[in-house]
PDB file of N, CA and C in Angstrom:
ATOM      1  N   MET A   1      81.190 123.035 115.300  1.00  0.00           N
ATOM      2  CA  MET A   1      81.495 121.702 114.832  1.00  0.00           C
ATOM      3  C   MET A   1      82.673 121.156 115.626  1.00  0.00           C
ATOM      4  N   LEU A   2      82.632 119.874 115.880  1.00  0.00           N
ATOM      5  CA  LEU A   2      83.676 119.200 116.642  1.00  0.00           C
ATOM      6  C   LEU A   2      84.277 118.095 115.783  1.00  0.00           C
ATOM      7  N   LEU A   3      85.600 118.087 115.681  1.00  0.00           N
ATOM      8  CA  LEU A   3      86.298 117.010 114.984  1.00  0.00           C
ATOM      9  C   LEU A   3      86.941 116.109 116.022  1.00  0.00           C
ATOM     10  N   GLU A   4      86.593 114.847 115.957  1.00  0.00           N
ATOM     11  CA  GLU A   4      87.210 113.840 116.827  1.00  0.00           C
ATOM     12  C   GLU A   4      88.163 113.021 115.973  1.00  0.00           C
ATOM     13  N   ILE A   5      89.407 112.944 116.400  1.00  0.00           N
ATOM     14  CA  ILE A   5      90.394 112.102 115.730  1.00  0.00           C
ATOM     15  C   ILE A   5      90.800 111.023 116.720  1.00  0.00           C
ATOM     16  N   ALA A   6      90.418 109.806 116.419  1.00  0.00           N
ATOM     17  CA  ALA A   6      90.735 108.674 117.291  1.00  0.00           C
ATOM     18  C   ALA A   6      91.649 107.720 116.538  1.00  0.00           C
ATOM     19  N   GLU A   7      92.665 107.246 117.229  1.00  0.00           N
ATOM     20  CA  GLU A   7      93.539 106.212 116.686  1.00  0.00           C
ATOM     21  C   GLU A   7      93.448 105.002 117.595  1.00  0.00           C
ATOM     22  N   ILE A   8      93.266 103.847 116.985  1.00  0.00           N
ATOM     23  CA  ILE A   8      93.126 102.611 117.747  1.00  0.00           C
ATOM     24  C   ILE A   8      94.165 101.611 117.252  1.00  0.00           C
ATOM     25  N   ASP A   9      94.933 101.089 118.186  1.00  0.00           N
ATOM     26  CA  ASP A   9      95.889 100.023 117.879  1.00  0.00           C
ATOM     27  C   ASP A   9      95.213  98.698 118.185  1.00  0.00           C
ATOM     28  N   VAL A  10      95.341  97.762 117.245  1.00  0.00           N
ATOM     29  CA  VAL A  10      94.726  96.451 117.430  1.00  0.00           C
ATOM     30  C   VAL A  10      95.800  95.378 117.544  1.00  0.00           C
ATOM     31  N   ARG A  11      95.413  94.302 118.167  1.00  0.00           N
ATOM     32  CA  ARG A  11      96.309  93.171 118.376  1.00  0.00           C
ATOM     33  C   ARG A  11      96.828  92.655 117.030  1.00  0.00           C
ATOM     34  N   HIS A  12      98.145  92.410 116.950  1.00  0.00           N
ATOM     35  CA  HIS A  12      98.751  91.877 115.726  1.00  0.00           C
ATOM     36  C   HIS A  12      98.037  90.590 115.317  1.00  0.00           C
ATOM     37  N   GLY A  13      97.698  90.515 114.058  1.00  0.00           N
ATOM     38  CA  GLY A  13      96.988  89.360 113.529  1.00  0.00           C
ATOM     39  C   GLY A  13      95.474  89.542 113.458  1.00  0.00           C
ATOM     40  N   SER A  14      94.961  90.593 114.112  1.00  0.00           N
ATOM     41  CA  SER A  14      93.513  90.821 114.083  1.00  0.00           C
ATOM     42  C   SER A  14      93.126  92.001 113.186  1.00  0.00           C
ATOM     43  N   GLU A  15      94.077  92.523 112.427  1.00  0.00           N
ATOM     44  CA  GLU A  15      93.822  93.707 111.609  1.00  0.00           C
ATOM     45  C   GLU A  15      92.686  93.513 110.604  1.00  0.00           C
ATOM     46  N   ASP A  16      92.709  92.426 109.871  1.00  0.00           N
ATOM     47  CA  ASP A  16      91.666  92.203 108.858  1.00  0.00           C
ATOM     48  C   ASP A  16      90.298  91.981 109.504  1.00  0.00           C
ATOM     49  N   ALA A  17      90.269  91.267 110.622  1.00  0.00           N
ATOM     50  CA  ALA A  17      89.009  91.043 111.334  1.00  0.00           C
ATOM     51  C   ALA A  17      88.474  92.361 111.886  1.00  0.00           C
ATOM     52  N   PHE A  18      89.361  93.210 112.383  1.00  0.00           N
ATOM     53  CA  PHE A  18      88.965  94.516 112.892  1.00  0.00           C
ATOM     54  C   PHE A  18      88.369  95.366 111.770  1.00  0.00           C
ATOM     55  N   ALA A  19      89.077  95.439 110.640  1.00  0.00           N
ATOM     56  CA  ALA A  19      88.585  96.230 109.505  1.00  0.00           C
ATOM     57  C   ALA A  19      87.221  95.731 109.040  1.00  0.00           C
ATOM     58  N   LYS A  20      87.051  94.423 108.980  1.00  0.00           N
ATOM     59  CA  LYS A  20      85.764  93.855 108.564  1.00  0.00           C
ATOM     60  C   LYS A  20      84.665  94.197 109.566  1.00  0.00           C
ATOM     61  N   ALA A  21      84.952  94.054 110.854  1.00  0.00           N
ATOM     62  CA  ALA A  21      83.954  94.364 111.885  1.00  0.00           C
ATOM     63  C   ALA A  21      83.565  95.836 111.832  1.00  0.00           C
ATOM     64  N   MET A  22      84.516  96.695 111.580  1.00  0.00           N
ATOM     65  CA  MET A  22      84.215  98.124 111.498  1.00  0.00           C
ATOM     66  C   MET A  22      83.345  98.430 110.288  1.00  0.00           C
ATOM     67  N   ARG A  23      83.697  97.880 109.141  1.00  0.00           N
ATOM     68  CA  ARG A  23      82.940  98.174 107.919  1.00  0.00           C
ATOM     69  C   ARG A  23      81.530  97.595 107.964  1.00  0.00           C
ATOM     70  N   GLU A  24      81.374  96.417 108.557  1.00  0.00           N
ATOM     71  CA  GLU A  24      80.070  95.759 108.567  1.00  0.00           C
ATOM     72  C   GLU A  24      79.177  96.186 109.728  1.00  0.00           C
ATOM     73  N   THR A  25      79.764  96.478 110.882  1.00  0.00           N
ATOM     74  CA  THR A  25      78.970  96.748 112.082  1.00  0.00           C
ATOM     75  C   THR A  25      79.302  98.085 112.729  1.00  0.00           C
ATOM     76  N   GLY A  26      80.570  98.303 113.033  1.00  0.00           N
ATOM     77  CA  GLY A  26      80.988  99.468 113.806  1.00  0.00           C
ATOM     78  C   GLY A  26      80.703 100.810 113.162  1.00  0.00           C
ATOM     79  N   ILE A  27      81.121 100.990 111.929  1.00  0.00           N
ATOM     80  CA  ILE A  27      80.940 102.279 111.251  1.00  0.00           C
ATOM     81  C   ILE A  27      79.456 102.591 111.039  1.00  0.00           C
ATOM     82  N   PRO A  28      78.645 101.656 110.542  1.00  0.00           N
ATOM     83  CA  PRO A  28      77.215 101.966 110.418  1.00  0.00           C
ATOM     84  C   PRO A  28      76.570 102.315 111.761  1.00  0.00           C
ATOM     85  N   ALA A  29      76.983 101.651 112.836  1.00  0.00           N
ATOM     86  CA  ALA A  29      76.419 101.948 114.154  1.00  0.00           C
ATOM     87  C   ALA A  29      76.823 103.340 114.618  1.00  0.00           C
ATOM     88  N   LEU A  30      78.089 103.697 114.427  1.00  0.00           N
ATOM     89  CA  LEU A  30      78.549 105.035 114.821  1.00  0.00           C
ATOM     90  C   LEU A  30      77.867 106.106 113.984  1.00  0.00           C
ATOM     91  N   ALA A  31      77.745 105.871 112.687  1.00  0.00           N
ATOM     92  CA  ALA A  31      77.094 106.844 111.799  1.00  0.00           C
ATOM     93  C   ALA A  31      75.629 107.072 112.175  1.00  0.00           C
ATOM     94  N   ALA A  32      75.009 106.091 112.813  1.00  0.00           N
ATOM     95  CA  ALA A  32      73.598 106.209 113.200  1.00  0.00           C
ATOM     96  C   ALA A  32      73.393 107.047 114.458  1.00  0.00           C
ATOM     97  N   CYS A  33      74.478 107.408 115.133  1.00  0.00           N
ATOM     98  CA  CYS A  33      74.356 108.197 116.366  1.00  0.00           C
ATOM     99  C   CYS A  33      73.896 109.617 116.052  1.00  0.00           C
ATOM    100  N   GLU A  34      72.940 110.083 116.828  1.00  0.00           N
ATOM    101  CA  GLU A  34      72.498 111.476 116.718  1.00  0.00           C
ATOM    102  C   GLU A  34      73.697 112.380 116.975  1.00  0.00           C
ATOM    103  N   GLY A  35      73.873 113.382 116.115  1.00  0.00           N
ATOM    104  CA  GLY A  35      74.967 114.324 116.274  1.00  0.00           C
ATOM    105  C   GLY A  35      76.142 114.080 115.345  1.00  0.00           C
ATOM    106  N   VAL A  36      76.197 112.916 114.683  1.00  0.00           N
ATOM    107  CA  VAL A  36      77.281 112.643 113.734  1.00  0.00           C
ATOM    108  C   VAL A  36      76.953 113.303 112.407  1.00  0.00           C
ATOM    109  N   ILE A  37      77.851 114.168 111.951  1.00  0.00           N
ATOM    110  CA  ILE A  37      77.698 114.823 110.652  1.00  0.00           C
ATOM    111  C   ILE A  37      78.344 113.975 109.566  1.00  0.00           C
ATOM    112  N   SER A  38      79.562 113.515 109.831  1.00  0.00           N
ATOM    113  CA  SER A  38      80.269 112.669 108.865  1.00  0.00           C
ATOM    114  C   SER A  38      81.352 111.898 109.598  1.00  0.00           C
ATOM    115  N   LEU A  39      81.845 110.848 108.945  1.00  0.00           N
ATOM    116  CA  LEU A  39      82.975 110.125 109.520  1.00  0.00           C
ATOM    117  C   LEU A  39      83.763 109.440 108.434  1.00  0.00           C
ATOM    118  N   GLN A  40      85.036 109.258 108.740  1.00  0.00           N
ATOM    119  CA  GLN A  40      85.934 108.519 107.872  1.00  0.00           C
ATOM    120  C   GLN A  40      86.663 107.501 108.724  1.00  0.00           C
ATOM    121  N   PHE A  41      86.972 106.371 108.119  1.00  0.00           N
ATOM    122  CA  PHE A  41      87.672 105.281 108.788  1.00  0.00           C
ATOM    123  C   PHE A  41      88.832 104.888 107.900  1.00  0.00           C
ATOM    124  N   GLY A  42      90.003 104.685 108.478  1.00  0.00           N
ATOM    125  CA  GLY A  42      91.147 104.296 107.669  1.00  0.00           C
ATOM    126  C   GLY A  42      92.142 103.452 108.440  1.00  0.00           C
ATOM    127  N   ARG A  43      93.038 102.830 107.673  1.00  0.00           N
ATOM    128  CA  ARG A  43      94.077 101.956 108.225  1.00  0.00           C
ATOM    129  C   ARG A  43      95.437 102.563 107.954  1.00  0.00           C
ATOM    130  N   GLY A  44      96.339 102.437 108.909  1.00  0.00           N
ATOM    131  CA  GLY A  44      97.670 102.998 108.777  1.00  0.00           C
ATOM    132  C   GLY A  44      98.460 102.372 107.640  1.00  0.00           C
ATOM    133  N   VAL A  45      99.225 103.200 106.964  1.00  0.00           N
ATOM    134  CA  VAL A  45     100.102 102.720 105.900  1.00  0.00           C
ATOM    135  C   VAL A  45     101.418 102.242 106.504  1.00  0.00           C
ATOM    136  N   GLU A  46     102.054 103.098 107.303  1.00  0.00           N
ATOM    137  CA  GLU A  46     103.311 102.731 107.931  1.00  0.00           C
ATOM    138  C   GLU A  46     103.128 101.729 109.070  1.00  0.00           C
ATOM    139  N   LYS A  47     101.983 101.786 109.717  1.00  0.00           N
ATOM    140  CA  LYS A  47     101.682 100.885 110.842  1.00  0.00           C
ATOM    141  C   LYS A  47     100.294 100.285 110.616  1.00  0.00           C
ATOM    142  N   PRO A  48     100.202  99.170 109.881  1.00  0.00           N
ATOM    143  CA  PRO A  48      98.909  98.586 109.506  1.00  0.00           C
ATOM    144  C   PRO A  48      98.037  98.115 110.668  1.00  0.00           C
ATOM    145  N   SER A  49      98.597  98.028 111.880  1.00  0.00           N
ATOM    146  CA  SER A  49      97.785  97.628 113.026  1.00  0.00           C
ATOM    147  C   SER A  49      97.182  98.843 113.735  1.00  0.00           C
ATOM    148  N   ARG A  50      97.349 100.045 113.159  1.00  0.00           N
ATOM    149  CA  ARG A  50      96.739 101.268 113.703  1.00  0.00           C
ATOM    150  C   ARG A  50      95.653 101.743 112.740  1.00  0.00           C
ATOM    151  N   PHE A  51      94.497 102.051 113.310  1.00  0.00           N
ATOM    152  CA  PHE A  51      93.350 102.533 112.545  1.00  0.00           C
ATOM    153  C   PHE A  51      92.938 103.893 113.074  1.00  0.00           C
ATOM    154  N   THR A  52      92.268 104.670 112.229  1.00  0.00           N
ATOM    155  CA  THR A  52      91.781 105.974 112.662  1.00  0.00           C
ATOM    156  C   THR A  52      90.311 106.145 112.314  1.00  0.00           C
ATOM    157  N   PHE A  53      89.636 106.861 113.195  1.00  0.00           N
ATOM    158  CA  PHE A  53      88.278 107.325 112.960  1.00  0.00           C
ATOM    159  C   PHE A  53      88.344 108.840 113.020  1.00  0.00           C
ATOM    160  N   ASN A  54      87.853 109.504 112.011  1.00  0.00           N
ATOM    161  CA  ASN A  54      87.739 110.957 112.024  1.00  0.00           C
ATOM    162  C   ASN A  54      86.251 111.263 111.944  1.00  0.00           C
ATOM    163  N   VAL A  55      85.700 111.724 113.061  1.00  0.00           N
ATOM    164  CA  VAL A  55      84.261 111.927 113.171  1.00  0.00           C
ATOM    165  C   VAL A  55      83.971 113.405 113.356  1.00  0.00           C
ATOM    166  N   VAL A  56      83.078 113.945 112.539  1.00  0.00           N
ATOM    167  CA  VAL A  56      82.620 115.315 112.716  1.00  0.00           C
ATOM    168  C   VAL A  56      81.272 115.246 113.416  1.00  0.00           C
ATOM    169  N   TRP A  57      81.232 115.870 114.602  1.00  0.00           N
ATOM    170  CA  TRP A  57      80.037 115.922 115.434  1.00  0.00           C
ATOM    171  C   TRP A  57      79.469 117.335 115.406  1.00  0.00           C
ATOM    172  N   THR A  58      78.193 117.453 115.697  1.00  0.00           N
ATOM    173  CA  THR A  58      77.594 118.785 115.780  1.00  0.00           C
ATOM    174  C   THR A  58      78.167 119.559 116.957  1.00  0.00           C
ATOM    175  N   SER A  59      78.520 118.853 118.052  1.00  0.00           N
ATOM    176  CA  SER A  59      79.070 119.510 119.237  1.00  0.00           C
ATOM    177  C   SER A  59      79.645 118.459 120.178  1.00  0.00           C
ATOM    178  N   MET A  60      80.399 118.922 121.168  1.00  0.00           N
ATOM    179  CA  MET A  60      80.913 118.016 122.193  1.00  0.00           C
ATOM    180  C   MET A  60      79.765 117.457 123.021  1.00  0.00           C
ATOM    181  N   ASP A  61      78.738 118.270 123.253  1.00  0.00           N
ATOM    182  CA  ASP A  61      77.564 117.791 123.985  1.00  0.00           C
ATOM    183  C   ASP A  61      76.898 116.621 123.262  1.00  0.00           C
ATOM    184  N   ALA A  62      76.796 116.729 121.934  1.00  0.00           N
ATOM    185  CA  ALA A  62      76.198 115.642 121.145  1.00  0.00           C
ATOM    186  C   ALA A  62      77.056 114.384 121.241  1.00  0.00           C
ATOM    187  N   HIS A  63      78.370 114.561 121.192  1.00  0.00           N
ATOM    188  CA  HIS A  63      79.280 113.427 121.313  1.00  0.00           C
ATOM    189  C   HIS A  63      79.120 112.759 122.679  1.00  0.00           C
ATOM    190  N   ASP A  64      79.096 113.559 123.735  1.00  0.00           N
ATOM    191  CA  ASP A  64      78.927 113.014 125.081  1.00  0.00           C
ATOM    192  C   ASP A  64      77.594 112.287 125.216  1.00  0.00           C
ATOM    193  N   ALA A  65      76.520 112.863 124.667  1.00  0.00           N
ATOM    194  CA  ALA A  65      75.194 112.235 124.736  1.00  0.00           C
ATOM    195  C   ALA A  65      75.164 110.915 123.970  1.00  0.00           C
ATOM    196  N   ALA A  66      75.904 110.841 122.869  1.00  0.00           N
ATOM    197  CA  ALA A  66      75.908 109.633 122.040  1.00  0.00           C
ATOM    198  C   ALA A  66      76.477 108.433 122.782  1.00  0.00           C
ATOM    199  N   ARG A  67      77.360 108.678 123.717  1.00  0.00           N
ATOM    200  CA  ARG A  67      77.976 107.569 124.462  1.00  0.00           C
ATOM    201  C   ARG A  67      76.958 106.742 125.237  1.00  0.00           C
ATOM    202  N   LYS A  68      75.759 107.273 125.429  1.00  0.00           N
ATOM    203  CA  LYS A  68      74.697 106.564 126.148  1.00  0.00           C
ATOM    204  C   LYS A  68      73.765 105.805 125.213  1.00  0.00           C
ATOM    205  N   LEU A  69      73.956 105.935 123.901  1.00  0.00           N
ATOM    206  CA  LEU A  69      73.059 105.330 122.921  1.00  0.00           C
ATOM    207  C   LEU A  69      73.420 103.875 122.636  1.00  0.00           C
ATOM    208  N   ASP A  70      72.399 103.080 122.317  1.00  0.00           N
ATOM    209  CA  ASP A  70      72.640 101.687 121.942  1.00  0.00           C
ATOM    210  C   ASP A  70      73.535 101.586 120.718  1.00  0.00           C
ATOM    211  N   SER A  71      73.356 102.482 119.742  1.00  0.00           N
ATOM    212  CA  SER A  71      74.169 102.419 118.529  1.00  0.00           C
ATOM    213  C   SER A  71      75.644 102.675 118.839  1.00  0.00           C
ATOM    214  N   PHE A  72      75.938 103.563 119.792  1.00  0.00           N
ATOM    215  CA  PHE A  72      77.331 103.803 120.176  1.00  0.00           C
ATOM    216  C   PHE A  72      77.904 102.572 120.875  1.00  0.00           C
ATOM    217  N   ASN A  73      77.095 101.930 121.714  1.00  0.00           N
ATOM    218  CA  ASN A  73      77.542 100.703 122.366  1.00  0.00           C
ATOM    219  C   ASN A  73      77.790  99.588 121.352  1.00  0.00           C
ATOM    220  N   SER A  74      77.000  99.534 120.292  1.00  0.00           N
ATOM    221  CA  SER A  74      77.226  98.554 119.218  1.00  0.00           C
ATOM    222  C   SER A  74      78.541  98.837 118.509  1.00  0.00           C
ATOM    223  N   PHE A  75      78.822 100.115 118.293  1.00  0.00           N
ATOM    224  CA  PHE A  75      80.109 100.512 117.698  1.00  0.00           C
ATOM    225  C   PHE A  75      81.256 100.010 118.570  1.00  0.00           C
ATOM    226  N   ARG A  76      81.208 100.309 119.860  1.00  0.00           N
ATOM    227  CA  ARG A  76      82.284  99.925 120.783  1.00  0.00           C
ATOM    228  C   ARG A  76      82.439  98.404 120.867  1.00  0.00           C
ATOM    229  N   SER A  77      81.332  97.689 120.939  1.00  0.00           N
ATOM    230  CA  SER A  77      81.419  96.240 121.109  1.00  0.00           C
ATOM    231  C   SER A  77      81.941  95.542 119.854  1.00  0.00           C
ATOM    232  N   ALA A  78      81.893  96.209 118.710  1.00  0.00           N
ATOM    233  CA  ALA A  78      82.394  95.606 117.473  1.00  0.00           C
ATOM    234  C   ALA A  78      83.913  95.412 117.506  1.00  0.00           C
ATOM    235  N   PHE A  79      84.615  96.166 118.361  1.00  0.00           N
ATOM    236  CA  PHE A  79      86.071  96.066 118.356  1.00  0.00           C
ATOM    237  C   PHE A  79      86.714  95.928 119.730  1.00  0.00           C
ATOM    238  N   ASP A  80      85.960  96.013 120.790  1.00  0.00           N
ATOM    239  CA  ASP A  80      86.537  96.029 122.136  1.00  0.00           C
ATOM    240  C   ASP A  80      87.546  94.919 122.393  1.00  0.00           C
ATOM    241  N   ASP A  81      87.274  93.717 121.940  1.00  0.00           N
ATOM    242  CA  ASP A  81      88.176  92.605 122.234  1.00  0.00           C
ATOM    243  C   ASP A  81      89.432  92.595 121.361  1.00  0.00           C
ATOM    244  N   MET A  82      89.497  93.456 120.337  1.00  0.00           N
ATOM    245  CA  MET A  82      90.677  93.508 119.465  1.00  0.00           C
ATOM    246  C   MET A  82      91.575  94.708 119.749  1.00  0.00           C
ATOM    247  N   ALA A  83      91.053  95.714 120.412  1.00  0.00           N
ATOM    248  CA  ALA A  83      91.819  96.936 120.669  1.00  0.00           C
ATOM    249  C   ALA A  83      92.804  96.723 121.808  1.00  0.00           C
ATOM    250  N   ILE A  84      94.023  97.257 121.642  1.00  0.00           N
ATOM    251  CA  ILE A  84      95.030  97.159 122.700  1.00  0.00           C
ATOM    252  C   ILE A  84      95.506  98.535 123.156  1.00  0.00           C
ATOM    253  N   GLY A  85      94.966  99.587 122.579  1.00  0.00           N
ATOM    254  CA  GLY A  85      95.358 100.936 122.984  1.00  0.00           C
ATOM    255  C   GLY A  85      94.925 101.947 121.952  1.00  0.00           C
ATOM    256  N   GLY A  86      95.257 103.205 122.229  1.00  0.00           N
ATOM    257  CA  GLY A  86      94.932 104.246 121.272  1.00  0.00           C
ATOM    258  C   GLY A  86      94.863 105.611 121.921  1.00  0.00           C
ATOM    259  N   THR A  87      94.525 106.586 121.106  1.00  0.00           N
ATOM    260  CA  THR A  87      94.388 107.967 121.565  1.00  0.00           C
ATOM    261  C   THR A  87      93.147 108.585 120.947  1.00  0.00           C
ATOM    262  N   MET A  88      92.676 109.654 121.584  1.00  0.00           N
ATOM    263  CA  MET A  88      91.523 110.373 121.061  1.00  0.00           C
ATOM    264  C   MET A  88      91.718 111.848 121.370  1.00  0.00           C
ATOM    265  N   HIS A  89      91.481 112.685 120.356  1.00  0.00           N
ATOM    266  CA  HIS A  89      91.596 114.131 120.518  1.00  0.00           C
ATOM    267  C   HIS A  89      90.392 114.803 119.875  1.00  0.00           C
ATOM    268  N   HIS A  90      89.991 115.937 120.444  1.00  0.00           N
ATOM    269  CA  HIS A  90      88.829 116.678 119.955  1.00  0.00           C
ATOM    270  C   HIS A  90      89.239 118.108 119.633  1.00  0.00           C
ATOM    271  N   TYR A  91      88.688 118.629 118.534  1.00  0.00           N
ATOM    272  CA  TYR A  91      89.022 119.976 118.071  1.00  0.00           C
ATOM    273  C   TYR A  91      87.755 120.719 117.687  1.00  0.00           C
ATOM    274  N   GLU A  92      87.622 121.948 118.160  1.00  0.00           N
ATOM    275  CA  GLU A  92      86.556 122.835 117.698  1.00  0.00           C
ATOM    276  C   GLU A  92      86.982 123.346 116.324  1.00  0.00           C
ATOM    277  N   MET A  93      86.146 123.135 115.312  1.00  0.00           N
ATOM    278  CA  MET A  93      86.535 123.456 113.944  1.00  0.00           C
ATOM    279  C   MET A  93      85.758 124.645 113.390  1.00  0.00           C
ATOM    280  N   ASP A  94      86.433 125.378 112.503  1.00  0.00           N
ATOM    281  CA  ASP A  94      85.775 126.417 111.717  1.00  0.00           C
ATOM    282  C   ASP A  94      85.050 125.741 110.553  1.00  0.00           C
ATOM    283  N   GLN A  95      84.339 126.523 109.806  1.00  0.00           N
ATOM    284  CA  GLN A  95      83.613 126.023 108.630  1.00  0.00           C
ATOM    285  C   GLN A  95      84.587 125.437 107.608  1.00  0.00           C
ATOM    286  N   ALA A  96      84.222 124.359 106.979  1.00  0.00           N
ATOM    287  CA  ALA A  96      85.047 123.736 105.939  1.00  0.00           C
ATOM    288  C   ALA A  96      84.991 124.560 104.660  1.00  0.00           C
ATOM    289  N   ILE A  97      86.129 124.669 104.009  1.00  0.00           N
ATOM    290  CA  ILE A  97      86.241 125.365 102.732  1.00  0.00           C
ATOM    291  C   ILE A  97      86.687 124.334 101.682  1.00  0.00           C
ATOM    292  N   ALA A  98      85.975 124.240 100.594  1.00  0.00           N
ATOM    293  CA  ALA A  98      86.330 123.285  99.539  1.00  0.00           C
ATOM    294  C   ALA A  98      87.601 123.737  98.842  1.00  0.00           C
ATOM    295  N   GLY A  99      88.489 122.793  98.586  1.00  0.00           N
ATOM    296  CA  GLY A  99      89.740 123.065  97.894  1.00  0.00           C
ATOM    297  C   GLY A  99      89.578 122.984  96.388  1.00  0.00           C
ATOM    298  N   ALA A 100      90.648 123.249  95.675  1.00  0.00           N
ATOM    299  CA  ALA A 100      90.626 123.299  94.215  1.00  0.00           C
ATOM    300  C   ALA A 100      90.227 121.973  93.579  1.00  0.00           C
ATOM    301  N   SER A 101      90.522 120.866  94.238  1.00  0.00           N
ATOM    302  CA  SER A 101      90.222 119.551  93.660  1.00  0.00           C
ATOM    303  C   SER A 101      88.916 118.950  94.155  1.00  0.00           C
ATOM    304  N   ALA A 102      88.151 119.718  94.897  1.00  0.00           N
ATOM    305  CA  ALA A 102      86.885 119.195  95.446  1.00  0.00           C
ATOM    306  C   ALA A 102      85.839 119.044  94.361  1.00  0.00           C
TER     307      ALA A 102
END
């Protein structure tokens, strides 16, 4: 399993439009990519113009292959004009263990 943690900084004043575009178009398009197991999307508390995507992929190969899909391009085009920077990191993960509050 591969965990992708991406942080995207958006132009000041476009935060609400970015969140709306992600919820209506971007997230459903990304979730439709072959190889996506799960994903979460969130907005920064201390820095509201920073957003994160935490995507669990079946593998790095699946993630790389998804970049060629129309659904991945739809995800990217939903926010390209609002993004001003960000970071992305990938981690090979062990099996998830449910915690006491799960």
